[in-house]
Amino acid sequence: MKMSIYGYLFLALGMLCGALSIGSTLPEFWDTLVTGGTVLFAVLFTITLLLGRRIKFDPVLR
């Protein structure tokens, strides 16, 4: 699968934040921050994938 550099970056950061939130016991502040980072990077990864696709739009309905 071919992705952009940003796609790989957001995927790696999201996986890192997810692993930190699952695998370690962090204080409440850091746990909230890591969970928010996981959600943020997952959303950015999804947006990057959607923008990276080259969808051809045909304005003439057939």
N, C-alpha and C. Protein backbone atom coordinates (compact mmCIF):
# COMPACT_ATOMS: atom_id res chain seq x y z
N MET A 1 0.85 -1.17 0.00
CA MET A 1 0.00 0.00 0.00
C MET A 1 0.89 1.23 0.00
N LYS A 2 0.60 2.14 -0.90
CA LYS A 2 1.41 3.34 -1.02
C LYS A 2 0.74 4.47 -0.24
N MET A 3 1.49 5.03 0.72
CA MET A 3 0.98 6.14 1.52
C MET A 3 1.99 7.27 1.46
N SER A 4 1.55 8.44 1.85
CA SER A 4 2.44 9.58 1.92
C SER A 4 3.28 9.51 3.20
N ILE A 5 4.24 10.38 3.28
CA ILE A 5 5.09 10.44 4.47
C ILE A 5 4.25 10.81 5.69
N TYR A 6 3.30 11.72 5.50
CA TYR A 6 2.43 12.11 6.61
C TYR A 6 1.56 10.94 7.07
N GLY A 7 1.13 10.12 6.13
CA GLY A 7 0.34 8.94 6.49
C GLY A 7 1.12 8.01 7.39
N TYR A 8 2.36 7.72 7.01
CA TYR A 8 3.21 6.86 7.84
C TYR A 8 3.51 7.51 9.19
N LEU A 9 3.73 8.82 9.19
CA LEU A 9 4.03 9.53 10.43
C LEU A 9 2.86 9.47 11.41
N PHE A 10 1.65 9.78 10.93
CA PHE A 10 0.49 9.76 11.81
C PHE A 10 0.15 8.34 12.26
N LEU A 11 0.38 7.35 11.40
CA LEU A 11 0.15 5.96 11.78
C LEU A 11 1.12 5.55 12.89
N ALA A 12 2.39 5.89 12.74
CA ALA A 12 3.39 5.53 13.75
C ALA A 12 3.12 6.24 15.08
N LEU A 13 2.79 7.53 15.02
CA LEU A 13 2.52 8.27 16.25
C LEU A 13 1.25 7.77 16.94
N GLY A 14 0.24 7.45 16.16
CA GLY A 14 -0.99 6.90 16.74
C GLY A 14 -0.76 5.55 17.39
N MET A 15 0.04 4.70 16.74
CA MET A 15 0.34 3.39 17.33
C MET A 15 1.19 3.54 18.59
N LEU A 16 2.12 4.49 18.59
CA LEU A 16 2.94 4.73 19.77
C LEU A 16 2.10 5.22 20.95
N CYS A 17 1.21 6.16 20.69
CA CYS A 17 0.32 6.65 21.76
C CYS A 17 -0.62 5.55 22.24
N GLY A 18 -1.12 4.74 21.32
CA GLY A 18 -1.99 3.63 21.71
C GLY A 18 -1.27 2.62 22.56
N ALA A 19 -0.03 2.31 22.20
CA ALA A 19 0.76 1.36 22.99
C ALA A 19 1.07 1.93 24.37
N LEU A 20 1.33 3.22 24.44
CA LEU A 20 1.59 3.84 25.74
C LEU A 20 0.35 3.84 26.63
N SER A 21 -0.81 4.06 26.03
CA SER A 21 -2.02 4.11 26.85
C SER A 21 -2.43 2.72 27.32
N ILE A 22 -2.12 1.69 26.55
CA ILE A 22 -2.50 0.33 26.94
C ILE A 22 -1.45 -0.31 27.83
N GLY A 23 -0.17 -0.13 27.48
CA GLY A 23 0.88 -0.92 28.10
C GLY A 23 1.50 -0.37 29.36
N SER A 24 1.21 0.84 29.76
CA SER A 24 1.89 1.39 30.92
C SER A 24 0.90 2.08 31.85
N THR A 25 1.31 2.21 33.09
CA THR A 25 0.49 2.94 34.05
C THR A 25 1.08 4.34 34.19
N LEU A 26 0.32 5.29 33.74
CA LEU A 26 0.74 6.68 33.76
C LEU A 26 -0.14 7.47 34.72
N PRO A 27 0.36 8.59 35.24
CA PRO A 27 -0.52 9.46 36.03
C PRO A 27 -1.71 9.93 35.19
N GLU A 28 -2.73 10.40 35.87
CA GLU A 28 -3.99 10.74 35.20
C GLU A 28 -3.80 11.78 34.09
N PHE A 29 -2.99 12.79 34.34
CA PHE A 29 -2.76 13.83 33.33
C PHE A 29 -2.14 13.24 32.07
N TRP A 30 -1.10 12.44 32.22
CA TRP A 30 -0.41 11.86 31.07
C TRP A 30 -1.28 10.84 30.36
N ASP A 31 -2.08 10.11 31.12
CA ASP A 31 -2.98 9.13 30.50
C ASP A 31 -4.01 9.83 29.62
N THR A 32 -4.54 10.94 30.10
CA THR A 32 -5.49 11.71 29.30
C THR A 32 -4.82 12.29 28.06
N LEU A 33 -3.61 12.78 28.23
CA LEU A 33 -2.86 13.35 27.11
C LEU A 33 -2.55 12.30 26.04
N VAL A 34 -2.15 11.10 26.49
CA VAL A 34 -1.83 10.02 25.55
C VAL A 34 -3.08 9.54 24.83
N THR A 35 -4.19 9.44 25.54
CA THR A 35 -5.45 9.02 24.91
C THR A 35 -5.91 10.06 23.89
N GLY A 36 -5.79 11.32 24.23
CA GLY A 36 -6.12 12.38 23.28
C GLY A 36 -5.21 12.36 22.07
N GLY A 37 -3.94 12.08 22.28
CA GLY A 37 -3.00 11.96 21.16
C GLY A 37 -3.35 10.81 20.25
N THR A 38 -3.79 9.70 20.84
CA THR A 38 -4.19 8.55 20.03
C THR A 38 -5.36 8.91 19.13
N VAL A 39 -6.35 9.57 19.69
CA VAL A 39 -7.53 9.97 18.91
C VAL A 39 -7.14 10.99 17.84
N LEU A 40 -6.34 11.97 18.21
CA LEU A 40 -5.92 13.01 17.27
C LEU A 40 -5.16 12.42 16.09
N PHE A 41 -4.18 11.56 16.37
CA PHE A 41 -3.38 10.99 15.29
C PHE A 41 -4.18 10.02 14.44
N ALA A 42 -5.16 9.34 15.03
CA ALA A 42 -6.02 8.46 14.24
C ALA A 42 -6.88 9.27 13.27
N VAL A 43 -7.40 10.40 13.74
CA VAL A 43 -8.20 11.26 12.88
C VAL A 43 -7.34 11.87 11.77
N LEU A 44 -6.14 12.33 12.13
CA LEU A 44 -5.25 12.90 11.12
C LEU A 44 -4.82 11.85 10.10
N PHE A 45 -4.60 10.62 10.55
CA PHE A 45 -4.25 9.53 9.64
C PHE A 45 -5.38 9.26 8.66
N THR A 46 -6.61 9.25 9.17
CA THR A 46 -7.76 9.01 8.30
C THR A 46 -7.92 10.14 7.28
N ILE A 47 -7.76 11.38 7.72
CA ILE A 47 -7.86 12.52 6.81
C ILE A 47 -6.76 12.45 5.75
N THR A 48 -5.55 12.07 6.17
CA THR A 48 -4.44 11.95 5.23
C THR A 48 -4.73 10.89 4.18
N LEU A 49 -5.31 9.76 4.60
CA LEU A 49 -5.64 8.72 3.63
C LEU A 49 -6.72 9.18 2.66
N LEU A 50 -7.72 9.89 3.18
CA LEU A 50 -8.79 10.36 2.31
C LEU A 50 -8.31 11.42 1.32
N LEU A 51 -7.46 12.32 1.78
CA LEU A 51 -6.95 13.36 0.89
C LEU A 51 -5.94 12.81 -0.11
N GLY A 52 -5.28 11.74 0.26
CA GLY A 52 -4.27 11.16 -0.61
C GLY A 52 -4.85 10.40 -1.78
N ARG A 53 -6.09 9.99 -1.67
CA ARG A 53 -6.72 9.25 -2.77
C ARG A 53 -7.05 10.21 -3.89
N ARG A 54 -6.81 9.79 -5.06
CA ARG A 54 -7.12 10.62 -6.23
C ARG A 54 -8.47 10.17 -6.78
N ILE A 55 -9.50 10.83 -6.30
CA ILE A 55 -10.85 10.49 -6.72
C ILE A 55 -11.22 11.39 -7.89
N LYS A 56 -11.55 10.77 -9.01
CA LYS A 56 -11.94 11.54 -10.18
C LYS A 56 -13.45 11.78 -10.13
N PHE A 57 -13.82 13.02 -10.23
CA PHE A 57 -15.23 13.39 -10.15
C PHE A 57 -15.71 13.75 -11.54
N ASP A 58 -16.76 13.09 -11.96
CA ASP A 58 -17.36 13.37 -13.27
C ASP A 58 -18.64 14.16 -13.02
N PRO A 59 -18.64 15.47 -13.31
CA PRO A 59 -19.83 16.27 -13.00
C PRO A 59 -21.04 15.95 -13.88
N VAL A 60 -20.84 15.25 -14.97
CA VAL A 60 -21.95 14.90 -15.85
C VAL A 60 -22.52 13.56 -15.39
N LEU A 61 -23.76 13.59 -14.93
CA LEU A 61 -24.40 12.35 -14.51
C LEU A 61 -24.90 11.60 -15.73
N ARG A 62 -24.56 10.36 -15.81
CA ARG A 62 -24.94 9.59 -17.01
C ARG A 62 -25.98 8.57 -16.68
